Amino acid sequence: MPSFRFEMIAGGRSNIIEEDLASVDLASPRAVELAKAASNASPDADHSGSHVKVCDAVGYLIATVNFSDVFADGALGEIDPPNEEPGVMRSGRPL
């Protein structure tokens, strides 16, 4: 199983989570889940500069998820999932 490093920057603090996932295709959706969970844990905080960076085991950036992009109009409510994960910026590196 591939290993991934999720670096969450929220409220000026950094939190690193390392996980093994079945495939690289699951890394971006997992980053969106982490961003939603962190935002819901402190709903009154300003998350405008908060994000989750996803790197592979070697350290290459896979994706970046901005907290503000995973919620409709910056509100902390659920949105209908589009075809792609909201707020995911993929790196130009081929997988």
N, C-alpha and C. Protein backbone atom coordinates (compact mmCIF):
# COMPACT_ATOMS: atom_id res chain seq x y z
N MET A 1 0.84 -1.18 0.00
CA MET A 1 0.00 0.00 0.00
C MET A 1 0.88 1.24 0.00
N PRO A 2 0.54 2.21 -0.83
CA PRO A 2 1.29 3.46 -0.84
C PRO A 2 1.07 4.26 0.45
N SER A 3 2.14 4.92 0.90
CA SER A 3 2.07 5.77 2.09
C SER A 3 1.93 7.23 1.68
N PHE A 4 1.17 7.99 2.45
CA PHE A 4 0.95 9.40 2.18
C PHE A 4 1.11 10.20 3.46
N ARG A 5 1.53 11.44 3.29
CA ARG A 5 1.69 12.36 4.41
C ARG A 5 0.72 13.51 4.18
N PHE A 6 -0.16 13.74 5.15
CA PHE A 6 -1.13 14.82 5.10
C PHE A 6 -0.69 15.88 6.11
N GLU A 7 -0.31 17.05 5.62
CA GLU A 7 0.09 18.14 6.51
C GLU A 7 -1.04 19.16 6.55
N MET A 8 -1.67 19.26 7.73
CA MET A 8 -2.76 20.19 7.92
C MET A 8 -2.23 21.46 8.56
N ILE A 9 -2.44 22.59 7.88
CA ILE A 9 -2.09 23.90 8.42
C ILE A 9 -3.40 24.60 8.75
N ALA A 10 -3.70 24.77 10.03
CA ALA A 10 -4.96 25.39 10.46
C ALA A 10 -4.70 26.23 11.70
N GLY A 11 -5.14 27.47 11.65
CA GLY A 11 -4.99 28.35 12.81
C GLY A 11 -3.55 28.59 13.19
N GLY A 12 -2.66 28.60 12.22
CA GLY A 12 -1.25 28.83 12.49
C GLY A 12 -0.52 27.62 13.05
N ARG A 13 -1.21 26.49 13.15
CA ARG A 13 -0.58 25.28 13.67
C ARG A 13 -0.53 24.21 12.59
N SER A 14 0.46 23.37 12.69
CA SER A 14 0.65 22.31 11.71
C SER A 14 0.43 20.96 12.39
N ASN A 15 -0.25 20.07 11.69
CA ASN A 15 -0.49 18.72 12.19
C ASN A 15 -0.19 17.77 11.04
N ILE A 16 0.61 16.75 11.31
CA ILE A 16 0.99 15.80 10.26
C ILE A 16 0.37 14.44 10.57
N ILE A 17 -0.27 13.89 9.55
CA ILE A 17 -0.89 12.57 9.64
C ILE A 17 -0.30 11.73 8.52
N GLU A 18 0.20 10.55 8.87
CA GLU A 18 0.71 9.64 7.85
C GLU A 18 -0.23 8.44 7.77
N GLU A 19 -0.62 8.10 6.54
CA GLU A 19 -1.56 7.00 6.34
C GLU A 19 -1.16 6.19 5.12
N ASP A 20 -1.48 4.92 5.17
CA ASP A 20 -1.36 4.04 4.02
C ASP A 20 -2.73 3.93 3.39
N LEU A 21 -2.80 4.16 2.09
CA LEU A 21 -4.07 4.07 1.35
C LEU A 21 -3.90 3.08 0.22
N ALA A 22 -5.00 2.51 -0.23
CA ALA A 22 -4.96 1.49 -1.28
C ALA A 22 -4.41 2.02 -2.60
N SER A 23 -4.68 3.31 -2.90
CA SER A 23 -4.18 3.87 -4.14
C SER A 23 -4.04 5.38 -4.02
N VAL A 24 -3.33 5.97 -4.96
CA VAL A 24 -3.15 7.42 -4.98
C VAL A 24 -4.47 8.14 -5.22
N ASP A 25 -5.42 7.48 -5.86
CA ASP A 25 -6.72 8.08 -6.14
C ASP A 25 -7.51 8.38 -4.85
N LEU A 26 -7.15 7.75 -3.75
CA LEU A 26 -7.85 7.97 -2.48
C LEU A 26 -7.23 9.09 -1.65
N ALA A 27 -6.08 9.60 -2.05
CA ALA A 27 -5.39 10.62 -1.26
C ALA A 27 -6.12 11.96 -1.25
N SER A 28 -6.58 12.43 -2.38
CA SER A 28 -7.28 13.72 -2.43
C SER A 28 -8.61 13.69 -1.69
N PRO A 29 -9.44 12.65 -1.88
CA PRO A 29 -10.68 12.59 -1.10
C PRO A 29 -10.41 12.52 0.41
N ARG A 30 -9.33 11.86 0.80
CA ARG A 30 -8.99 11.79 2.23
C ARG A 30 -8.60 13.17 2.75
N ALA A 31 -7.88 13.95 1.94
CA ALA A 31 -7.51 15.31 2.33
C ALA A 31 -8.75 16.19 2.50
N VAL A 32 -9.75 16.01 1.64
CA VAL A 32 -11.01 16.75 1.76
C VAL A 32 -11.70 16.37 3.06
N GLU A 33 -11.72 15.08 3.40
CA GLU A 33 -12.31 14.62 4.66
C GLU A 33 -11.62 15.26 5.86
N LEU A 34 -10.29 15.30 5.82
CA LEU A 34 -9.53 15.90 6.93
C LEU A 34 -9.82 17.39 7.06
N ALA A 35 -9.94 18.08 5.94
CA ALA A 35 -10.23 19.52 5.97
C ALA A 35 -11.62 19.75 6.57
N LYS A 36 -12.59 18.95 6.17
CA LYS A 36 -13.95 19.08 6.71
C LYS A 36 -13.97 18.80 8.21
N ALA A 37 -13.28 17.75 8.63
CA ALA A 37 -13.26 17.40 10.05
C ALA A 37 -12.60 18.49 10.88
N ALA A 38 -11.51 19.04 10.41
CA ALA A 38 -10.82 20.10 11.15
C ALA A 38 -11.67 21.37 11.21
N SER A 39 -12.36 21.69 10.13
CA SER A 39 -13.23 22.87 10.11
C SER A 39 -14.42 22.70 11.04
N ASN A 40 -14.99 21.51 11.04
CA ASN A 40 -16.14 21.24 11.91
C ASN A 40 -15.75 21.18 13.38
N ALA A 41 -14.49 20.82 13.66
CA ALA A 41 -14.02 20.75 15.05
C ALA A 41 -13.91 22.14 15.67
N SER A 42 -13.64 23.14 14.87
CA SER A 42 -13.56 24.53 15.37
C SER A 42 -14.28 25.45 14.39
N PRO A 43 -15.62 25.40 14.38
CA PRO A 43 -16.40 26.14 13.39
C PRO A 43 -16.30 27.65 13.49
N ASP A 44 -15.94 28.18 14.65
CA ASP A 44 -15.86 29.64 14.82
C ASP A 44 -14.51 30.20 14.40
N ALA A 45 -13.54 29.35 14.13
CA ALA A 45 -12.20 29.80 13.76
C ALA A 45 -12.17 30.29 12.32
N ASP A 46 -11.24 31.17 12.03
CA ASP A 46 -11.04 31.67 10.67
C ASP A 46 -10.14 30.68 9.93
N HIS A 47 -10.70 29.98 8.97
CA HIS A 47 -9.94 28.98 8.22
C HIS A 47 -9.57 29.47 6.82
N SER A 48 -9.59 30.77 6.62
CA SER A 48 -9.33 31.30 5.27
C SER A 48 -7.94 30.93 4.75
N GLY A 49 -6.96 30.78 5.62
CA GLY A 49 -5.62 30.42 5.17
C GLY A 49 -5.26 28.98 5.45
N SER A 50 -6.22 28.19 5.90
CA SER A 50 -5.96 26.80 6.27
C SER A 50 -6.01 25.89 5.05
N HIS A 51 -5.17 24.87 5.07
CA HIS A 51 -5.13 23.93 3.96
C HIS A 51 -4.51 22.60 4.39
N VAL A 52 -4.67 21.60 3.53
CA VAL A 52 -4.07 20.29 3.71
C VAL A 52 -3.20 20.02 2.48
N LYS A 53 -1.93 19.71 2.72
CA LYS A 53 -1.03 19.31 1.63
C LYS A 53 -0.86 17.80 1.70
N VAL A 54 -0.92 17.16 0.55
CA VAL A 54 -0.76 15.71 0.46
C VAL A 54 0.53 15.41 -0.29
N CYS A 55 1.41 14.64 0.34
CA CYS A 55 2.66 14.24 -0.30
C CYS A 55 2.75 12.72 -0.30
N ASP A 56 3.44 12.19 -1.30
CA ASP A 56 3.65 10.74 -1.34
C ASP A 56 4.83 10.38 -0.43
N ALA A 57 5.19 9.11 -0.39
CA ALA A 57 6.24 8.63 0.51
C ALA A 57 7.60 9.26 0.21
N VAL A 58 7.83 9.65 -1.02
CA VAL A 58 9.10 10.27 -1.41
C VAL A 58 9.12 11.75 -1.05
N GLY A 59 7.96 12.36 -0.90
CA GLY A 59 7.86 13.77 -0.56
C GLY A 59 7.34 14.65 -1.67
N TYR A 60 6.95 14.05 -2.79
CA TYR A 60 6.39 14.83 -3.89
C TYR A 60 4.97 15.27 -3.54
N LEU A 61 4.67 16.52 -3.83
CA LEU A 61 3.33 17.07 -3.58
C LEU A 61 2.34 16.43 -4.54
N ILE A 62 1.28 15.85 -3.98
CA ILE A 62 0.24 15.22 -4.78
C ILE A 62 -0.91 16.20 -4.99
N ALA A 63 -1.34 16.87 -3.92
CA ALA A 63 -2.47 17.80 -4.00
C ALA A 63 -2.45 18.74 -2.80
N THR A 64 -3.15 19.87 -2.95
CA THR A 64 -3.36 20.81 -1.87
C THR A 64 -4.86 21.10 -1.81
N VAL A 65 -5.43 21.02 -0.62
CA VAL A 65 -6.86 21.29 -0.42
C VAL A 65 -7.00 22.48 0.51
N ASN A 66 -7.60 23.55 0.02
CA ASN A 66 -7.89 24.71 0.86
C ASN A 66 -9.20 24.47 1.60
N PHE A 67 -9.19 24.75 2.91
CA PHE A 67 -10.41 24.56 3.70
C PHE A 67 -11.57 25.35 3.11
N SER A 68 -11.31 26.57 2.71
CA SER A 68 -12.38 27.44 2.22
C SER A 68 -13.03 26.91 0.94
N ASP A 69 -12.32 26.08 0.20
CA ASP A 69 -12.85 25.55 -1.05
C ASP A 69 -13.74 24.33 -0.88
N VAL A 70 -13.71 23.69 0.28
CA VAL A 70 -14.52 22.48 0.45
C VAL A 70 -15.91 22.78 0.98
N PHE A 71 -16.20 24.06 1.20
CA PHE A 71 -17.52 24.47 1.68
C PHE A 71 -18.12 25.49 0.74
N ALA A 72 -19.42 25.43 0.53
CA ALA A 72 -20.13 26.36 -0.35
C ALA A 72 -20.06 27.76 0.24
N ASP A 73 -19.62 28.74 -0.53
CA ASP A 73 -19.56 30.14 -0.14
C ASP A 73 -18.82 30.35 1.18
N GLY A 74 -17.88 29.49 1.50
CA GLY A 74 -17.11 29.63 2.73
C GLY A 74 -17.88 29.22 3.97
N ALA A 75 -19.13 28.78 3.82
CA ALA A 75 -19.93 28.36 4.98
C ALA A 75 -19.52 26.95 5.38
N LEU A 76 -19.72 26.62 6.63
CA LEU A 76 -19.32 25.32 7.12
C LEU A 76 -20.44 24.30 7.00
N GLY A 77 -21.05 24.23 5.85
CA GLY A 77 -22.12 23.26 5.62
C GLY A 77 -21.69 22.30 4.53
N GLU A 78 -22.42 21.25 4.38
CA GLU A 78 -22.11 20.27 3.35
C GLU A 78 -22.55 20.80 1.98
N ILE A 79 -21.82 20.41 0.97
CA ILE A 79 -22.19 20.76 -0.40
C ILE A 79 -22.38 19.48 -1.18
N ASP A 80 -23.09 19.58 -2.28
CA ASP A 80 -23.26 18.41 -3.14
C ASP A 80 -21.92 18.13 -3.81
N PRO A 81 -21.45 16.90 -3.76
CA PRO A 81 -20.15 16.60 -4.34
C PRO A 81 -20.17 16.68 -5.87
N PRO A 82 -19.27 17.45 -6.46
CA PRO A 82 -19.17 17.48 -7.92
C PRO A 82 -18.40 16.26 -8.40
N ASN A 83 -18.11 16.21 -9.69
CA ASN A 83 -17.37 15.08 -10.24
C ASN A 83 -15.95 15.02 -9.69
N GLU A 84 -15.35 16.16 -9.44
CA GLU A 84 -14.02 16.24 -8.85
C GLU A 84 -14.16 16.72 -7.42
N GLU A 85 -13.15 16.45 -6.60
CA GLU A 85 -13.16 16.93 -5.23
C GLU A 85 -13.03 18.45 -5.25
N PRO A 86 -13.87 19.15 -4.46
CA PRO A 86 -13.77 20.61 -4.44
C PRO A 86 -12.49 21.05 -3.75
N GLY A 87 -11.88 22.07 -4.28
CA GLY A 87 -10.72 22.65 -3.63
C GLY A 87 -9.43 21.89 -3.82
N VAL A 88 -9.43 20.84 -4.61
CA VAL A 88 -8.22 20.05 -4.79
C VAL A 88 -7.42 20.62 -5.94
N MET A 89 -6.21 21.02 -5.65
CA MET A 89 -5.29 21.48 -6.69
C MET A 89 -4.25 20.38 -6.86
N ARG A 90 -4.26 19.78 -8.00
CA ARG A 90 -3.31 18.69 -8.25
C ARG A 90 -1.99 19.23 -8.76
N SER A 91 -0.93 18.53 -8.38
CA SER A 91 0.38 18.92 -8.88
C SER A 91 0.48 18.51 -10.35
N GLY A 92 1.46 19.03 -11.06
CA GLY A 92 1.64 18.69 -12.46
C GLY A 92 2.40 17.40 -12.66
N ARG A 93 2.81 16.76 -11.57
CA ARG A 93 3.60 15.54 -11.65
C ARG A 93 2.72 14.36 -12.05
N PRO A 94 3.07 13.64 -13.11
CA PRO A 94 2.28 12.47 -13.50
C PRO A 94 2.40 11.38 -12.45
N LEU A 95 1.32 10.61 -12.30
CA LEU A 95 1.32 9.55 -11.27
C LEU A 95 1.63 8.22 -11.84
